[in-house]
N, C-alpha and C. Protein backbone atom coordinates (compact mmCIF):
# COMPACT_ATOMS: atom_id res chain seq x y z
N MET A 1 -11.79 -0.81 13.31
CA MET A 1 -11.21 -1.83 12.82
C MET A 1 -9.92 -1.99 13.85
N ARG A 2 -9.87 -3.05 14.49
CA ARG A 2 -8.57 -3.37 15.17
C ARG A 2 -7.99 -4.32 14.50
N LEU A 3 -6.44 -4.52 14.32
CA LEU A 3 -5.78 -5.24 13.70
C LEU A 3 -4.67 -5.55 14.61
N SER A 4 -3.99 -6.98 14.51
CA SER A 4 -2.98 -7.37 15.37
C SER A 4 -1.32 -6.73 14.59
N THR A 5 -1.48 -6.11 13.33
CA THR A 5 -0.73 -5.90 12.65
C THR A 5 0.18 -4.61 13.16
N ARG A 6 1.32 -4.58 13.57
CA ARG A 6 1.99 -3.54 14.18
C ARG A 6 2.44 -2.34 13.32
N ASN A 7 2.65 -2.70 12.39
CA ASN A 7 3.58 -1.89 11.36
C ASN A 7 2.21 -1.49 10.04
N GLN A 8 1.59 -0.08 10.87
CA GLN A 8 0.89 0.45 9.92
C GLN A 8 1.47 1.92 9.61
N LEU A 9 1.43 2.07 8.53
CA LEU A 9 2.09 3.41 7.86
C LEU A 9 1.09 4.30 7.08
N LYS A 10 0.55 5.42 7.61
CA LYS A 10 -0.29 6.12 6.83
C LYS A 10 -0.06 6.78 5.63
N GLY A 11 -0.78 7.28 4.96
CA GLY A 11 -0.18 8.00 3.52
C GLY A 11 -1.48 8.30 2.43
N THR A 12 -1.13 8.47 1.32
CA THR A 12 -1.97 8.69 0.02
C THR A 12 -1.97 7.99 -0.88
N ILE A 13 -2.87 7.66 -1.49
CA ILE A 13 -2.75 6.67 -2.63
C ILE A 13 -2.01 7.44 -4.03
N ALA A 14 -0.85 7.15 -4.57
CA ALA A 14 -0.28 7.92 -5.52
C ALA A 14 -0.78 7.43 -6.83
N ASP A 15 -1.03 6.03 -7.17
CA ASP A 15 -1.50 5.54 -8.23
C ASP A 15 -2.05 4.36 -8.13
N VAL A 16 -2.84 3.90 -8.94
CA VAL A 16 -3.40 2.65 -8.90
C VAL A 16 -3.72 2.17 -10.62
N ALA A 17 -2.97 1.20 -10.82
CA ALA A 17 -2.84 0.41 -12.07
C ALA A 17 -3.28 -0.72 -12.03
N LEU A 18 -4.47 -0.77 -12.70
CA LEU A 18 -5.25 -2.35 -13.10
C LEU A 18 -4.89 -3.18 -14.02
N GLY A 19 -4.53 -4.38 -13.85
CA GLY A 19 -4.26 -5.22 -15.07
C GLY A 19 -5.48 -6.17 -15.19
N ASN A 20 -4.97 -7.24 -15.82
CA ASN A 20 -6.09 -8.17 -15.96
C ASN A 20 -6.70 -8.95 -14.95
N VAL A 21 -5.57 -9.04 -13.97
CA VAL A 21 -5.90 -10.04 -12.58
C VAL A 21 -5.47 -9.07 -11.54
N MET A 22 -4.41 -8.56 -11.46
CA MET A 22 -3.56 -7.97 -10.43
C MET A 22 -3.66 -6.44 -10.57
N ALA A 23 -3.62 -5.73 -9.56
CA ALA A 23 -3.30 -4.28 -9.37
C ALA A 23 -2.38 -3.82 -8.84
N ILE A 24 -1.62 -2.78 -9.25
CA ILE A 24 -0.22 -2.18 -8.54
C ILE A 24 -0.91 -0.96 -7.43
N VAL A 25 -0.41 -1.02 -6.26
CA VAL A 25 -1.18 0.41 -5.96
C VAL A 25 0.20 0.94 -5.26
N LYS A 26 0.39 2.07 -5.46
CA LYS A 26 1.40 3.10 -4.80
C LYS A 26 0.94 4.18 -3.88
N VAL A 27 1.34 3.90 -2.78
CA VAL A 27 0.97 4.73 -1.35
C VAL A 27 2.24 5.77 -1.27
N ARG A 28 1.95 6.90 -1.20
CA ARG A 28 2.84 7.82 -0.82
C ARG A 28 2.81 8.13 0.82
N LEU A 29 4.05 7.57 1.50
CA LEU A 29 4.14 7.54 2.94
C LEU A 29 3.69 9.46 3.31
N ASP A 30 2.94 9.47 4.43
CA ASP A 30 2.79 11.32 4.91
C ASP A 30 4.20 11.55 5.57
N GLY A 31 4.71 12.76 5.29
CA GLY A 31 5.55 13.36 5.78
C GLY A 31 6.94 13.09 5.05
N GLY A 32 6.69 12.78 3.96
CA GLY A 32 8.05 12.22 2.74
C GLY A 32 7.83 11.96 1.35
N ASP A 33 8.53 11.57 0.66
CA ASP A 33 8.92 11.44 -0.49
C ASP A 33 8.85 9.50 -0.63
N GLN A 34 8.58 9.03 0.40
CA GLN A 34 8.90 7.53 0.51
C GLN A 34 7.21 7.27 -0.17
N VAL A 35 7.41 5.97 -1.27
CA VAL A 35 6.42 5.24 -1.66
C VAL A 35 6.65 3.85 -1.36
N ILE A 36 5.50 3.06 -0.93
CA ILE A 36 5.14 1.90 -0.84
C ILE A 36 4.28 1.25 -2.09
N THR A 37 4.79 0.30 -2.66
CA THR A 37 4.61 -0.31 -3.74
C THR A 37 3.70 -1.79 -3.28
N SER A 38 2.19 -1.94 -3.70
CA SER A 38 1.81 -3.26 -3.09
C SER A 38 1.21 -3.74 -4.54
N SER A 39 1.24 -4.98 -4.51
CA SER A 39 0.23 -5.86 -5.57
C SER A 39 -0.65 -6.64 -4.96
N ILE A 40 -1.84 -6.34 -5.35
CA ILE A 40 -3.26 -6.88 -4.90
C ILE A 40 -4.00 -7.38 -5.77
N THR A 41 -5.01 -8.11 -5.80
CA THR A 41 -5.90 -8.38 -6.63
C THR A 41 -6.54 -7.27 -7.62
N LYS A 42 -6.96 -7.39 -8.86
CA LYS A 42 -7.62 -6.46 -9.46
C LYS A 42 -9.03 -6.03 -8.55
N ASP A 43 -9.71 -7.20 -7.88
CA ASP A 43 -11.32 -7.63 -7.52
C ASP A 43 -11.05 -6.70 -6.16
N ALA A 44 -9.95 -6.92 -5.54
CA ALA A 44 -9.82 -6.18 -4.21
C ALA A 44 -9.63 -4.76 -4.23
N ALA A 45 -8.92 -4.44 -5.03
CA ALA A 45 -8.90 -2.95 -5.71
C ALA A 45 -10.23 -2.47 -5.77
N GLN A 46 -10.87 -2.92 -6.87
CA GLN A 46 -12.21 -2.44 -7.11
C GLN A 46 -13.17 -2.65 -5.75
N GLU A 47 -13.09 -3.54 -5.17
CA GLU A 47 -14.17 -3.76 -4.03
C GLU A 47 -13.76 -2.59 -3.14
N LEU A 48 -12.35 -2.23 -2.83
CA LEU A 48 -12.17 -1.15 -1.93
C LEU A 48 -12.12 0.02 -2.32
N SER A 49 -12.62 0.56 -3.82
CA SER A 49 -12.90 1.51 -4.62
C SER A 49 -11.50 2.42 -4.49
N LEU A 50 -10.19 2.01 -4.52
CA LEU A 50 -8.92 2.74 -4.52
C LEU A 50 -8.77 3.78 -5.50
N LYS A 51 -8.55 4.79 -5.32
CA LYS A 51 -8.37 6.06 -6.05
C LYS A 51 -7.33 7.14 -5.58
N THR A 52 -6.73 7.66 -6.85
CA THR A 52 -5.73 8.60 -6.25
C THR A 52 -6.11 9.47 -5.83
N GLY A 53 -5.06 10.02 -4.65
CA GLY A 53 -5.42 10.97 -3.65
C GLY A 53 -6.20 10.38 -2.64
N GLN A 54 -6.24 9.72 -2.53
CA GLN A 54 -7.63 8.88 -1.36
C GLN A 54 -6.29 8.71 -0.24
N PRO A 55 -6.87 9.06 0.88
CA PRO A 55 -5.75 8.50 2.23
C PRO A 55 -5.90 7.11 2.64
N ALA A 56 -4.89 6.50 2.87
CA ALA A 56 -4.81 4.80 2.93
C ALA A 56 -3.90 4.39 4.05
N THR A 57 -3.90 3.58 4.54
CA THR A 57 -3.19 3.22 5.42
C THR A 57 -2.59 1.77 4.81
N VAL A 58 -1.24 1.28 5.06
CA VAL A 58 -0.42 0.41 4.58
C VAL A 58 -0.24 -0.34 5.46
N PHE A 59 -0.61 -1.75 5.65
CA PHE A 59 -0.02 -2.64 6.76
C PHE A 59 1.08 -3.61 6.40
N ILE A 60 1.97 -3.93 7.07
CA ILE A 60 2.90 -4.77 6.61
C ILE A 60 3.09 -5.81 7.67
N LYS A 61 3.17 -7.05 7.31
CA LYS A 61 3.47 -8.20 8.27
C LYS A 61 4.23 -9.26 7.50
N SER A 62 5.32 -9.31 7.97
CA SER A 62 6.45 -9.83 7.52
C SER A 62 7.58 -10.87 8.26
N THR A 63 7.69 -12.25 7.94
CA THR A 63 8.79 -12.92 8.63
C THR A 63 10.13 -12.45 8.55
N GLU A 64 10.09 -11.50 7.49
CA GLU A 64 11.56 -11.43 7.36
C GLU A 64 11.64 -9.45 7.03
N VAL A 65 12.38 -8.91 7.68
CA VAL A 65 12.63 -7.59 6.91
C VAL A 65 14.08 -7.44 6.73
N THR A 66 14.58 -6.81 5.72
CA THR A 66 16.12 -6.49 5.18
C THR A 66 16.12 -5.33 5.67
N ILE A 67 17.49 -4.86 6.09
CA ILE A 67 17.98 -3.64 6.11
C ILE A 67 19.22 -3.68 5.31
N GLY A 68 19.61 -2.56 4.63
CA GLY A 68 20.70 -2.25 3.59
C GLY A 68 21.70 -1.01 4.38
N VAL A 69 23.01 -1.06 3.83
CA VAL A 69 23.59 0.35 4.09
C VAL A 69 24.82 0.37 3.30
N ASP A 70 24.98 1.65 2.91
CA ASP A 70 26.24 1.84 2.15
C ASP A 70 27.41 1.58 2.67
């Protein structure tokens, strides 16, 4: 699969929580303790057969990226 999305972060699925309609998927990024959380439809999570421990790639396409500092 080739995509135009440039922000591609590899990791491992840390948790999949299925709700009635939506699913919350947490992906621990490779090389650290950072976790990306994504809300997707329950149907999509089931169609992808998402499981804890499964390798995954997070694709981020956004019109706004915010940076904060202390």
